[in-house]
C-alpha atoms as a PDB file:
ATOM      1  CA  UNK A   1      78.260 187.833 -73.994  1.00  0.00           C
ATOM      2  CA  UNK A   2      74.920 187.881 -75.751  1.00  0.00           C
ATOM      3  CA  UNK A   3      71.634 188.208 -73.884  1.00  0.00           C
ATOM      4  CA  UNK A   4      68.191 187.464 -75.278  1.00  0.00           C
ATOM      5  CA  UNK A   5      65.506 189.543 -73.612  1.00  0.00           C
ATOM      6  CA  UNK A   6      61.805 188.838 -73.686  1.00  0.00           C
ATOM      7  CA  UNK A   7      58.509 190.699 -73.287  1.00  0.00           C
ATOM      8  CA  UNK A   8      58.748 194.068 -71.532  1.00  0.00           C
ATOM      9  CA  UNK A   9      62.466 193.545 -70.800  1.00  0.00           C
ATOM     10  CA  UNK A  10      63.187 193.656 -74.542  1.00  0.00           C
ATOM     11  CA  UNK A  11      60.992 196.734 -74.927  1.00  0.00           C
ATOM     12  CA  UNK A  12      62.754 198.474 -72.041  1.00  0.00           C
ATOM     13  CA  UNK A  13      66.232 197.719 -73.427  1.00  0.00           C
ATOM     14  CA  UNK A  14      65.235 198.629 -76.969  1.00  0.00           C
ATOM     15  CA  UNK A  15      65.864 195.208 -78.476  1.00  0.00           C
ATOM     16  CA  UNK A  16      65.496 191.459 -78.045  1.00  0.00           C
ATOM     17  CA  UNK A  17      69.219 190.771 -78.315  1.00  0.00           C
ATOM     18  CA  UNK A  18      71.952 192.775 -76.615  1.00  0.00           C
ATOM     19  CA  UNK A  19      75.651 192.157 -76.055  1.00  0.00           C
ATOM     20  CA  UNK A  20      77.758 192.994 -73.022  1.00  0.00           C
ATOM     21  CA  UNK A  21      81.462 192.643 -72.301  1.00  0.00           C
ATOM     22  CA  UNK A  22      82.567 190.250 -69.556  1.00  0.00           C
ATOM     23  CA  UNK A  23      85.894 188.730 -68.545  1.00  0.00           C
ATOM     24  CA  UNK A  24      86.733 185.191 -69.767  1.00  0.00           C
ATOM     25  CA  UNK A  25      86.130 183.621 -66.319  1.00  0.00           C
ATOM     26  CA  UNK A  26      82.866 185.489 -65.719  1.00  0.00           C
ATOM     27  CA  UNK A  27      79.762 184.134 -64.038  1.00  0.00           C
ATOM     28  CA  UNK A  28      76.128 184.582 -64.985  1.00  0.00           C
ATOM     29  CA  UNK A  29      75.971 187.178 -62.195  1.00  0.00           C
ATOM     30  CA  UNK A  30      78.844 189.108 -63.773  1.00  0.00           C
ATOM     31  CA  UNK A  31      77.032 189.104 -67.109  1.00  0.00           C
ATOM     32  CA  UNK A  32      73.823 190.241 -65.400  1.00  0.00           C
ATOM     33  CA  UNK A  33      75.732 193.076 -63.697  1.00  0.00           C
ATOM     34  CA  UNK A  34      77.150 194.104 -67.083  1.00  0.00           C
ATOM     35  CA  UNK A  35      73.661 193.997 -68.616  1.00  0.00           C
ATOM     36  CA  UNK A  36      72.188 196.173 -65.868  1.00  0.00           C
ATOM     37  CA  UNK A  37      75.122 198.563 -66.089  1.00  0.00           C
ATOM     38  CA  UNK A  38      74.577 198.957 -69.837  1.00  0.00           C
ATOM     39  CA  UNK A  39      70.771 199.143 -69.471  1.00  0.00           C
ATOM     40  CA  UNK A  40      70.087 200.615 -66.011  1.00  0.00           C
ATOM     41  CA  UNK A  41      66.407 201.015 -66.818  1.00  0.00           C
ATOM     42  CA  UNK A  42      66.100 197.207 -66.443  1.00  0.00           C
ATOM     43  CA  UNK A  43      67.309 197.200 -62.848  1.00  0.00           C
ATOM     44  CA  UNK A  44      63.980 197.923 -61.118  1.00  0.00           C
ATOM     45  CA  UNK A  45      62.299 195.226 -63.180  1.00  0.00           C
ATOM     46  CA  UNK A  46      64.976 192.582 -62.534  1.00  0.00           C
ATOM     47  CA  UNK A  47      66.242 193.276 -58.998  1.00  0.00           C
ATOM     48  CA  UNK A  48      64.331 193.701 -55.760  1.00  0.00           C
ATOM     49  CA  UNK A  49      64.892 196.399 -53.121  1.00  0.00           C
ATOM     50  CA  UNK A  50      67.831 194.483 -51.619  1.00  0.00           C
ATOM     51  CA  UNK A  51      69.565 194.111 -55.000  1.00  0.00           C
ATOM     52  CA  UNK A  52      68.723 190.417 -55.360  1.00  0.00           C
ATOM     53  CA  UNK A  53      67.195 188.862 -58.447  1.00  0.00           C
ATOM     54  CA  UNK A  54      63.412 189.059 -58.224  1.00  0.00           C
ATOM     55  CA  UNK A  55      61.791 185.667 -57.600  1.00  0.00           C
ATOM     56  CA  UNK A  56      59.720 185.804 -60.770  1.00  0.00           C
ATOM     57  CA  UNK A  57      62.639 186.579 -63.127  1.00  0.00           C
ATOM     58  CA  UNK A  58      64.113 183.548 -64.890  1.00  0.00           C
ATOM     59  CA  UNK A  59      67.724 183.489 -66.054  1.00  0.00           C
ATOM     60  CA  UNK A  60      68.666 180.817 -68.570  1.00  0.00           C
ATOM     61  CA  UNK A  61      72.084 179.717 -69.776  1.00  0.00           C
ATOM     62  CA  UNK A  62      71.919 177.675 -72.959  1.00  0.00           C
ATOM     63  CA  UNK A  63      68.229 177.027 -72.353  1.00  0.00           C
ATOM     64  CA  UNK A  64      68.674 175.782 -68.772  1.00  0.00           C
ATOM     65  CA  UNK A  65      67.475 177.734 -65.754  1.00  0.00           C
ATOM     66  CA  UNK A  66      70.564 178.716 -63.745  1.00  0.00           C
ATOM     67  CA  UNK A  67      68.630 178.018 -60.539  1.00  0.00           C
ATOM     68  CA  UNK A  68      69.105 174.330 -61.434  1.00  0.00           C
ATOM     69  CA  UNK A  69      72.889 174.836 -61.501  1.00  0.00           C
ATOM     70  CA  UNK A  70      74.939 177.216 -59.334  1.00  0.00           C
ATOM     71  CA  UNK A  71      72.543 180.129 -59.778  1.00  0.00           C
ATOM     72  CA  UNK A  72      74.172 183.434 -60.621  1.00  0.00           C
ATOM     73  CA  UNK A  73      77.544 181.893 -59.693  1.00  0.00           C
ATOM     74  CA  UNK A  74      77.321 179.596 -62.736  1.00  0.00           C
ATOM     75  CA  UNK A  75      80.534 180.010 -64.729  1.00  0.00           C
ATOM     76  CA  UNK A  76      80.183 181.069 -68.350  1.00  0.00           C
ATOM     77  CA  UNK A  77      81.946 179.517 -71.309  1.00  0.00           C
ATOM     78  CA  UNK A  78      82.621 181.006 -74.736  1.00  0.00           C
ATOM     79  CA  UNK A  79      79.550 180.772 -76.935  1.00  0.00           C
ATOM     80  CA  UNK A  80      77.046 180.544 -74.090  1.00  0.00           C
ATOM     81  CA  UNK A  81      73.658 182.093 -74.710  1.00  0.00           C
ATOM     82  CA  UNK A  82      71.903 183.881 -71.869  1.00  0.00           C
ATOM     83  CA  UNK A  83      68.226 184.712 -71.668  1.00  0.00           C
ATOM     84  CA  UNK A  84      66.198 186.818 -69.271  1.00  0.00           C
ATOM     85  CA  UNK A  85      62.458 186.118 -68.881  1.00  0.00           C
ATOM     86  CA  UNK A  86      59.876 188.037 -66.911  1.00  0.00           C
ATOM     87  CA  UNK A  87      56.806 186.123 -65.732  1.00  0.00           C
ATOM     88  CA  UNK A  88      54.658 184.898 -68.590  1.00  0.00           C
ATOM     89  CA  UNK A  89      50.929 184.461 -68.381  1.00  0.00           C
ATOM     90  CA  UNK A  90      48.101 183.942 -70.743  1.00  0.00           C
ATOM     91  CA  UNK A  91      46.042 181.181 -72.098  1.00  0.00           C
END
């Protein structure tokens, strides 16, 4: 499964696009676990003290925020594109 990372998340992982291995019936949460396992330096930036996704981190599947679907339990399909966004500010 391919992830697109943005801003400091990409810098921390050493690239804007990274791939992780997940099972065919995986969820977005499974893919996030695989990402954090492969790039543990992202964990503090993405997860809070209780291990939950930080409120300000956005996870997109095919351009749609997973919070508008089943959250991290959203089932993945072949060819899905995942993206991880930290908060963005500026003007």
